[in-house]
């Protein structure tokens, strides 16, 4: 989806942005997580803070940690359109468990996370604390138990919070047509991206 949005000239924030952290936002994301989920002092984040976190990006991927702030982002940007990408829950679950969860809680990654306090630890902490605060996940067993339910809850939340005129429920297999119409963009002369 990020690649599709960028093809439409909408630079898209994705958690991979944190890998380079050229904007130095990891501490700010951690502060937002701590305030929302762990009762850290200070106000909840609003538009001013999200403007700092998102810089000149025109779109946000539903990726960690941004996805845990869907309610705040929908409220902070009342003019924004929301594309809710529908996925088969079983294929999503397999990808989530074998990719995100397996990598996050991998024993070798955990050792690196513990040793490298400079980069890996802050980055890993953003993800782990998001999973813990937002989903109640502290390891693979928790993820097995709650992930499908949390997936459904998230989709219900986005549907409930987003005015119908701002919401597109979209399947990647639909290609450009409906997405471009919703976003007011011309259909590009390239195939819809299919990336892993």
C-alpha atoms as a PDB file:
ATOM      1  CA  UNK A   1       0.000   0.000   0.000  1.00  0.00           C
ATOM      2  CA  UNK A   2       2.871   2.391   0.796  1.00  0.00           C
ATOM      3  CA  UNK A   3       4.340   1.772  -2.643  1.00  0.00           C
ATOM      4  CA  UNK A   4       0.965   2.431  -4.280  1.00  0.00           C
ATOM      5  CA  UNK A   5       0.525   5.697  -2.388  1.00  0.00           C
ATOM      6  CA  UNK A   6       4.034   6.809  -3.279  1.00  0.00           C
ATOM      7  CA  UNK A   7       3.354   5.989  -6.943  1.00  0.00           C
ATOM      8  CA  UNK A   8       0.441   8.437  -6.581  1.00  0.00           C
ATOM      9  CA  UNK A   9       2.909  11.097  -5.310  1.00  0.00           C
ATOM     10  CA  UNK A  10       1.829  10.673  -1.689  1.00  0.00           C
ATOM     11  CA  UNK A  11       5.015  10.076   0.358  1.00  0.00           C
ATOM     12  CA  UNK A  12       4.078   7.443   2.937  1.00  0.00           C
ATOM     13  CA  UNK A  13       5.341   7.070   6.505  1.00  0.00           C
ATOM     14  CA  UNK A  14       6.101   3.436   7.324  1.00  0.00           C
ATOM     15  CA  UNK A  15       7.859   1.934  10.342  1.00  0.00           C
ATOM     16  CA  UNK A  16      10.845   1.344   8.071  1.00  0.00           C
ATOM     17  CA  UNK A  17      11.276   5.131   8.379  1.00  0.00           C
ATOM     18  CA  UNK A  18      12.357   4.476  11.960  1.00  0.00           C
ATOM     19  CA  UNK A  19      15.184   2.234  10.764  1.00  0.00           C
ATOM     20  CA  UNK A  20      17.126   5.242   9.540  1.00  0.00           C
ATOM     21  CA  UNK A  21      15.427   7.623  11.991  1.00  0.00           C
ATOM     22  CA  UNK A  22      16.854  10.515  10.027  1.00  0.00           C
ATOM     23  CA  UNK A  23      14.292  12.749  11.739  1.00  0.00           C
ATOM     24  CA  UNK A  24      15.227  11.560  15.256  1.00  0.00           C
ATOM     25  CA  UNK A  25      11.643  10.618  16.107  1.00  0.00           C
ATOM     26  CA  UNK A  26      12.175   7.359  18.017  1.00  0.00           C
ATOM     27  CA  UNK A  27      12.256   9.123  21.439  1.00  0.00           C
ATOM     28  CA  UNK A  28       9.139  11.092  20.542  1.00  0.00           C
ATOM     29  CA  UNK A  29       7.261   7.960  19.438  1.00  0.00           C
ATOM     30  CA  UNK A  30       8.296   6.315  22.707  1.00  0.00           C
ATOM     31  CA  UNK A  31       6.986   9.296  24.649  1.00  0.00           C
ATOM     32  CA  UNK A  32       3.640   9.068  22.828  1.00  0.00           C
ATOM     33  CA  UNK A  33       3.413   5.341  23.612  1.00  0.00           C
ATOM     34  CA  UNK A  34       4.346   5.856  27.259  1.00  0.00           C
ATOM     35  CA  UNK A  35       1.779   8.631  27.689  1.00  0.00           C
ATOM     36  CA  UNK A  36      -1.038   6.724  26.010  1.00  0.00           C
ATOM     37  CA  UNK A  37      -0.489   3.266  27.445  1.00  0.00           C
ATOM     38  CA  UNK A  38       1.729   3.533  30.506  1.00  0.00           C
ATOM     39  CA  UNK A  39       0.486   6.680  32.310  1.00  0.00           C
ATOM     40  CA  UNK A  40       3.630   8.734  31.682  1.00  0.00           C
ATOM     41  CA  UNK A  41       3.102  12.381  32.582  1.00  0.00           C
ATOM     42  CA  UNK A  42       2.109  14.859  29.903  1.00  0.00           C
ATOM     43  CA  UNK A  43      -0.802  15.360  27.537  1.00  0.00           C
ATOM     44  CA  UNK A  44      -1.792  12.882  24.885  1.00  0.00           C
ATOM     45  CA  UNK A  45      -0.403  13.618  21.448  1.00  0.00           C
ATOM     46  CA  UNK A  46      -2.441  15.745  19.052  1.00  0.00           C
ATOM     47  CA  UNK A  47      -1.922  17.372  15.688  1.00  0.00           C
ATOM     48  CA  UNK A  48       1.096  19.492  16.669  1.00  0.00           C
ATOM     49  CA  UNK A  49       3.009  16.442  17.898  1.00  0.00           C
ATOM     50  CA  UNK A  50       1.969  14.240  14.965  1.00  0.00           C
ATOM     51  CA  UNK A  51       3.062  16.997  12.564  1.00  0.00           C
ATOM     52  CA  UNK A  52       6.521  16.749  14.150  1.00  0.00           C
ATOM     53  CA  UNK A  53       6.543  12.953  13.954  1.00  0.00           C
ATOM     54  CA  UNK A  54       5.304  12.734  10.387  1.00  0.00           C
ATOM     55  CA  UNK A  55       7.152  15.704   8.835  1.00  0.00           C
ATOM     56  CA  UNK A  56       6.230  16.078   5.162  1.00  0.00           C
ATOM     57  CA  UNK A  57       4.710  12.641   4.698  1.00  0.00           C
ATOM     58  CA  UNK A  58       1.318  12.789   2.999  1.00  0.00           C
ATOM     59  CA  UNK A  59       0.179   9.349   4.151  1.00  0.00           C
ATOM     60  CA  UNK A  60       0.698   6.956   7.052  1.00  0.00           C
ATOM     61  CA  UNK A  61       0.947   3.191   6.787  1.00  0.00           C
ATOM     62  CA  UNK A  62      -0.896   1.103   9.328  1.00  0.00           C
ATOM     63  CA  UNK A  63       2.365   0.000  10.847  1.00  0.00           C
ATOM     64  CA  UNK A  64       3.835   0.062  14.339  1.00  0.00           C
ATOM     65  CA  UNK A  65       3.661   2.364  16.235  1.00  0.00           C
ATOM     66  CA  UNK A  66       1.369   4.627  14.159  1.00  0.00           C
ATOM     67  CA  UNK A  67      -1.410   2.027  13.980  1.00  0.00           C
ATOM     68  CA  UNK A  68      -1.823   2.205  17.766  1.00  0.00           C
ATOM     69  CA  UNK A  69      -2.752   5.881  17.358  1.00  0.00           C
ATOM     70  CA  UNK A  70      -5.521   5.457  14.778  1.00  0.00           C
ATOM     71  CA  UNK A  71      -8.074   7.211  16.965  1.00  0.00           C
ATOM     72  CA  UNK A  72      -5.768  10.152  17.662  1.00  0.00           C
ATOM     73  CA  UNK A  73      -4.720  10.459  14.007  1.00  0.00           C
ATOM     74  CA  UNK A  74      -8.309  10.374  12.720  1.00  0.00           C
ATOM     75  CA  UNK A  75      -9.195  13.098  15.237  1.00  0.00           C
ATOM     76  CA  UNK A  76      -6.018  15.163  14.608  1.00  0.00           C
ATOM     77  CA  UNK A  77      -6.480  15.221  10.829  1.00  0.00           C
ATOM     78  CA  UNK A  78     -10.209  15.687  10.190  1.00  0.00           C
ATOM     79  CA  UNK A  79      -9.561  16.448   6.513  1.00  0.00           C
ATOM     80  CA  UNK A  80      -7.643  13.209   5.921  1.00  0.00           C
ATOM     81  CA  UNK A  81      -9.028  10.281   4.000  1.00  0.00           C
ATOM     82  CA  UNK A  82      -8.736   6.800   5.503  1.00  0.00           C
ATOM     83  CA  UNK A  83      -8.083   3.711   3.383  1.00  0.00           C
ATOM     84  CA  UNK A  84      -8.874   0.574   5.360  1.00  0.00           C
ATOM     85  CA  UNK A  85      -7.059  -2.263   3.594  1.00  0.00           C
ATOM     86  CA  UNK A  86      -9.034  -5.465   3.946  1.00  0.00           C
ATOM     87  CA  UNK A  87      -7.036  -8.660   4.228  1.00  0.00           C
ATOM     88  CA  UNK A  88      -7.997 -12.268   4.691  1.00  0.00           C
ATOM     89  CA  UNK A  89      -7.560 -12.674   8.433  1.00  0.00           C
ATOM     90  CA  UNK A  90      -5.855 -16.064   8.163  1.00  0.00           C
ATOM     91  CA  UNK A  91      -3.235 -14.909   5.655  1.00  0.00           C
ATOM     92  CA  UNK A  92      -2.710 -11.725   7.709  1.00  0.00           C
ATOM     93  CA  UNK A  93      -2.304 -13.814  10.880  1.00  0.00           C
ATOM     94  CA  UNK A  94       0.284 -16.087   9.257  1.00  0.00           C
ATOM     95  CA  UNK A  95       2.276 -13.092   8.011  1.00  0.00           C
ATOM     96  CA  UNK A  96       1.986 -11.327  11.385  1.00  0.00           C
ATOM     97  CA  UNK A  97       3.053 -14.346  13.427  1.00  0.00           C
ATOM     98  CA  UNK A  98       5.828 -15.579  11.105  1.00  0.00           C
ATOM     99  CA  UNK A  99       7.163 -12.122  10.329  1.00  0.00           C
ATOM    100  CA  UNK A 100       6.534  -9.398  12.860  1.00  0.00           C
ATOM    101  CA  UNK A 101       6.046 -11.455  16.024  1.00  0.00           C
ATOM    102  CA  UNK A 102       8.728 -14.065  15.227  1.00  0.00           C
ATOM    103  CA  UNK A 103      11.285 -11.351  14.459  1.00  0.00           C
ATOM    104  CA  UNK A 104      10.373  -9.134  17.415  1.00  0.00           C
ATOM    105  CA  UNK A 105      10.698 -11.909  19.988  1.00  0.00           C
ATOM    106  CA  UNK A 106      13.470 -13.928  18.311  1.00  0.00           C
ATOM    107  CA  UNK A 107      16.090 -14.929  20.938  1.00  0.00           C
ATOM    108  CA  UNK A 108      18.994 -13.557  18.874  1.00  0.00           C
ATOM    109  CA  UNK A 109      17.154 -10.278  18.277  1.00  0.00           C
ATOM    110  CA  UNK A 110      16.486 -10.111  22.023  1.00  0.00           C
ATOM    111  CA  UNK A 111      20.199 -10.482  22.765  1.00  0.00           C
ATOM    112  CA  UNK A 112      21.055  -7.708  20.299  1.00  0.00           C
ATOM    113  CA  UNK A 113      18.221  -5.589  21.747  1.00  0.00           C
ATOM    114  CA  UNK A 114      19.729  -6.033  25.219  1.00  0.00           C
ATOM    115  CA  UNK A 115      23.340  -5.341  24.200  1.00  0.00           C
ATOM    116  CA  UNK A 116      22.908  -2.514  21.669  1.00  0.00           C
ATOM    117  CA  UNK A 117      21.478   0.235  23.883  1.00  0.00           C
ATOM    118  CA  UNK A 118      22.238   2.918  21.302  1.00  0.00           C
ATOM    119  CA  UNK A 119      20.063   1.933  18.308  1.00  0.00           C
ATOM    120  CA  UNK A 120      18.470  -1.517  18.453  1.00  0.00           C
ATOM    121  CA  UNK A 121      17.116  -1.125  21.978  1.00  0.00           C
ATOM    122  CA  UNK A 122      15.222   2.166  21.403  1.00  0.00           C
ATOM    123  CA  UNK A 123      13.834   0.884  18.099  1.00  0.00           C
ATOM    124  CA  UNK A 124      12.849  -2.476  19.577  1.00  0.00           C
ATOM    125  CA  UNK A 125      11.354  -0.803  22.637  1.00  0.00           C
ATOM    126  CA  UNK A 126       9.027   1.266  20.445  1.00  0.00           C
ATOM    127  CA  UNK A 127       7.687  -1.926  18.873  1.00  0.00           C
ATOM    128  CA  UNK A 128       7.584  -4.065  22.012  1.00  0.00           C
ATOM    129  CA  UNK A 129       5.940  -1.372  24.140  1.00  0.00           C
ATOM    130  CA  UNK A 130       3.402  -0.694  21.397  1.00  0.00           C
ATOM    131  CA  UNK A 131       2.509  -4.382  21.266  1.00  0.00           C
ATOM    132  CA  UNK A 132       2.265  -4.534  25.049  1.00  0.00           C
ATOM    133  CA  UNK A 133       0.265  -1.345  25.558  1.00  0.00           C
ATOM    134  CA  UNK A 134      -1.993  -1.506  22.538  1.00  0.00           C
ATOM    135  CA  UNK A 135      -2.506  -5.261  22.169  1.00  0.00           C
ATOM    136  CA  UNK A 136      -1.515  -6.741  25.535  1.00  0.00           C
ATOM    137  CA  UNK A 137       1.224  -8.799  23.848  1.00  0.00           C
ATOM    138  CA  UNK A 138       4.446  -9.535  25.714  1.00  0.00           C
ATOM    139  CA  UNK A 139       5.533 -12.536  23.650  1.00  0.00           C
ATOM    140  CA  UNK A 140       4.505 -15.071  20.996  1.00  0.00           C
ATOM    141  CA  UNK A 141       2.033 -16.913  23.237  1.00  0.00           C
ATOM    142  CA  UNK A 142       0.126 -13.708  23.944  1.00  0.00           C
ATOM    143  CA  UNK A 143       0.145 -12.956  20.221  1.00  0.00           C
ATOM    144  CA  UNK A 144      -1.305 -16.385  19.410  1.00  0.00           C
ATOM    145  CA  UNK A 145      -4.057 -15.843  21.949  1.00  0.00           C
ATOM    146  CA  UNK A 146      -5.214 -12.300  21.093  1.00  0.00           C
ATOM    147  CA  UNK A 147      -4.118 -11.297  17.585  1.00  0.00           C
ATOM    148  CA  UNK A 148      -7.190 -12.298  15.592  1.00  0.00           C
ATOM    149  CA  UNK A 149      -9.519 -10.650  18.124  1.00  0.00           C
ATOM    150  CA  UNK A 150      -7.406  -7.469  18.180  1.00  0.00           C
ATOM    151  CA  UNK A 151      -7.397  -7.388  14.367  1.00  0.00           C
ATOM    152  CA  UNK A 152     -11.206  -7.424  14.326  1.00  0.00           C
ATOM    153  CA  UNK A 153     -11.398  -4.807  17.102  1.00  0.00           C
ATOM    154  CA  UNK A 154      -9.086  -2.487  15.191  1.00  0.00           C
ATOM    155  CA  UNK A 155     -11.122  -2.695  11.995  1.00  0.00           C
ATOM    156  CA  UNK A 156     -14.334  -2.070  13.956  1.00  0.00           C
ATOM    157  CA  UNK A 157     -12.734   0.958  15.653  1.00  0.00           C
ATOM    158  CA  UNK A 158     -11.628   2.528  12.366  1.00  0.00           C
ATOM    159  CA  UNK A 159     -15.067   1.957  10.839  1.00  0.00           C
ATOM    160  CA  UNK A 160     -16.768   3.476  13.889  1.00  0.00           C
ATOM    161  CA  UNK A 161     -14.521   6.562  14.067  1.00  0.00           C
ATOM    162  CA  UNK A 162     -14.240   7.472  10.396  1.00  0.00           C
ATOM    163  CA  UNK A 163     -17.092   9.383   8.725  1.00  0.00           C
ATOM    164  CA  UNK A 164     -18.299   7.334   5.722  1.00  0.00           C
ATOM    165  CA  UNK A 165     -17.304  10.025   3.211  1.00  0.00           C
ATOM    166  CA  UNK A 166     -13.695   9.836   4.476  1.00  0.00           C
ATOM    167  CA  UNK A 167     -13.453   6.017   4.466  1.00  0.00           C
ATOM    168  CA  UNK A 168     -12.562   3.619   1.661  1.00  0.00           C
ATOM    169  CA  UNK A 169     -12.652  -0.086   2.447  1.00  0.00           C
ATOM    170  CA  UNK A 170     -10.160  -1.454  -0.014  1.00  0.00           C
ATOM    171  CA  UNK A 171      -8.671  -4.753  -1.121  1.00  0.00           C
ATOM    172  CA  UNK A 172      -5.256  -4.640  -2.772  1.00  0.00           C
ATOM    173  CA  UNK A 173      -6.529  -6.982  -5.491  1.00  0.00           C
ATOM    174  CA  UNK A 174      -8.890  -4.201  -6.664  1.00  0.00           C
ATOM    175  CA  UNK A 175      -5.997  -2.269  -8.175  1.00  0.00           C
ATOM    176  CA  UNK A 176      -5.927   1.419  -8.976  1.00  0.00           C
ATOM    177  CA  UNK A 177      -9.479   2.381  -9.995  1.00  0.00           C
ATOM    178  CA  UNK A 178     -11.396   2.821  -6.748  1.00  0.00           C
ATOM    179  CA  UNK A 179      -8.314   3.996  -4.827  1.00  0.00           C
ATOM    180  CA  UNK A 180      -7.460   6.715  -7.360  1.00  0.00           C
ATOM    181  CA  UNK A 181     -11.071   7.880  -7.537  1.00  0.00           C
ATOM    182  CA  UNK A 182     -11.262   8.110  -3.728  1.00  0.00           C
ATOM    183  CA  UNK A 183      -7.978  10.031  -3.485  1.00  0.00           C
ATOM    184  CA  UNK A 184      -8.661  12.246  -6.501  1.00  0.00           C
ATOM    185  CA  UNK A 185      -5.598  11.003  -8.367  1.00  0.00           C
ATOM    186  CA  UNK A 186      -5.216   9.928 -12.008  1.00  0.00           C
ATOM    187  CA  UNK A 187      -4.711   6.222 -12.585  1.00  0.00           C
ATOM    188  CA  UNK A 188      -0.989   5.643 -13.185  1.00  0.00           C
ATOM    189  CA  UNK A 189       0.277   3.875 -16.259  1.00  0.00           C
ATOM    190  CA  UNK A 190       1.995   1.141 -14.220  1.00  0.00           C
ATOM    191  CA  UNK A 191       0.704  -2.057 -12.613  1.00  0.00           C
ATOM    192  CA  UNK A 192      -0.483  -1.881  -9.014  1.00  0.00           C
ATOM    193  CA  UNK A 193       2.512  -2.850  -6.856  1.00  0.00           C
ATOM    194  CA  UNK A 194       2.726  -6.303  -5.278  1.00  0.00           C
ATOM    195  CA  UNK A 195       5.590  -6.347  -2.755  1.00  0.00           C
ATOM    196  CA  UNK A 196       6.507  -8.292   0.357  1.00  0.00           C
END
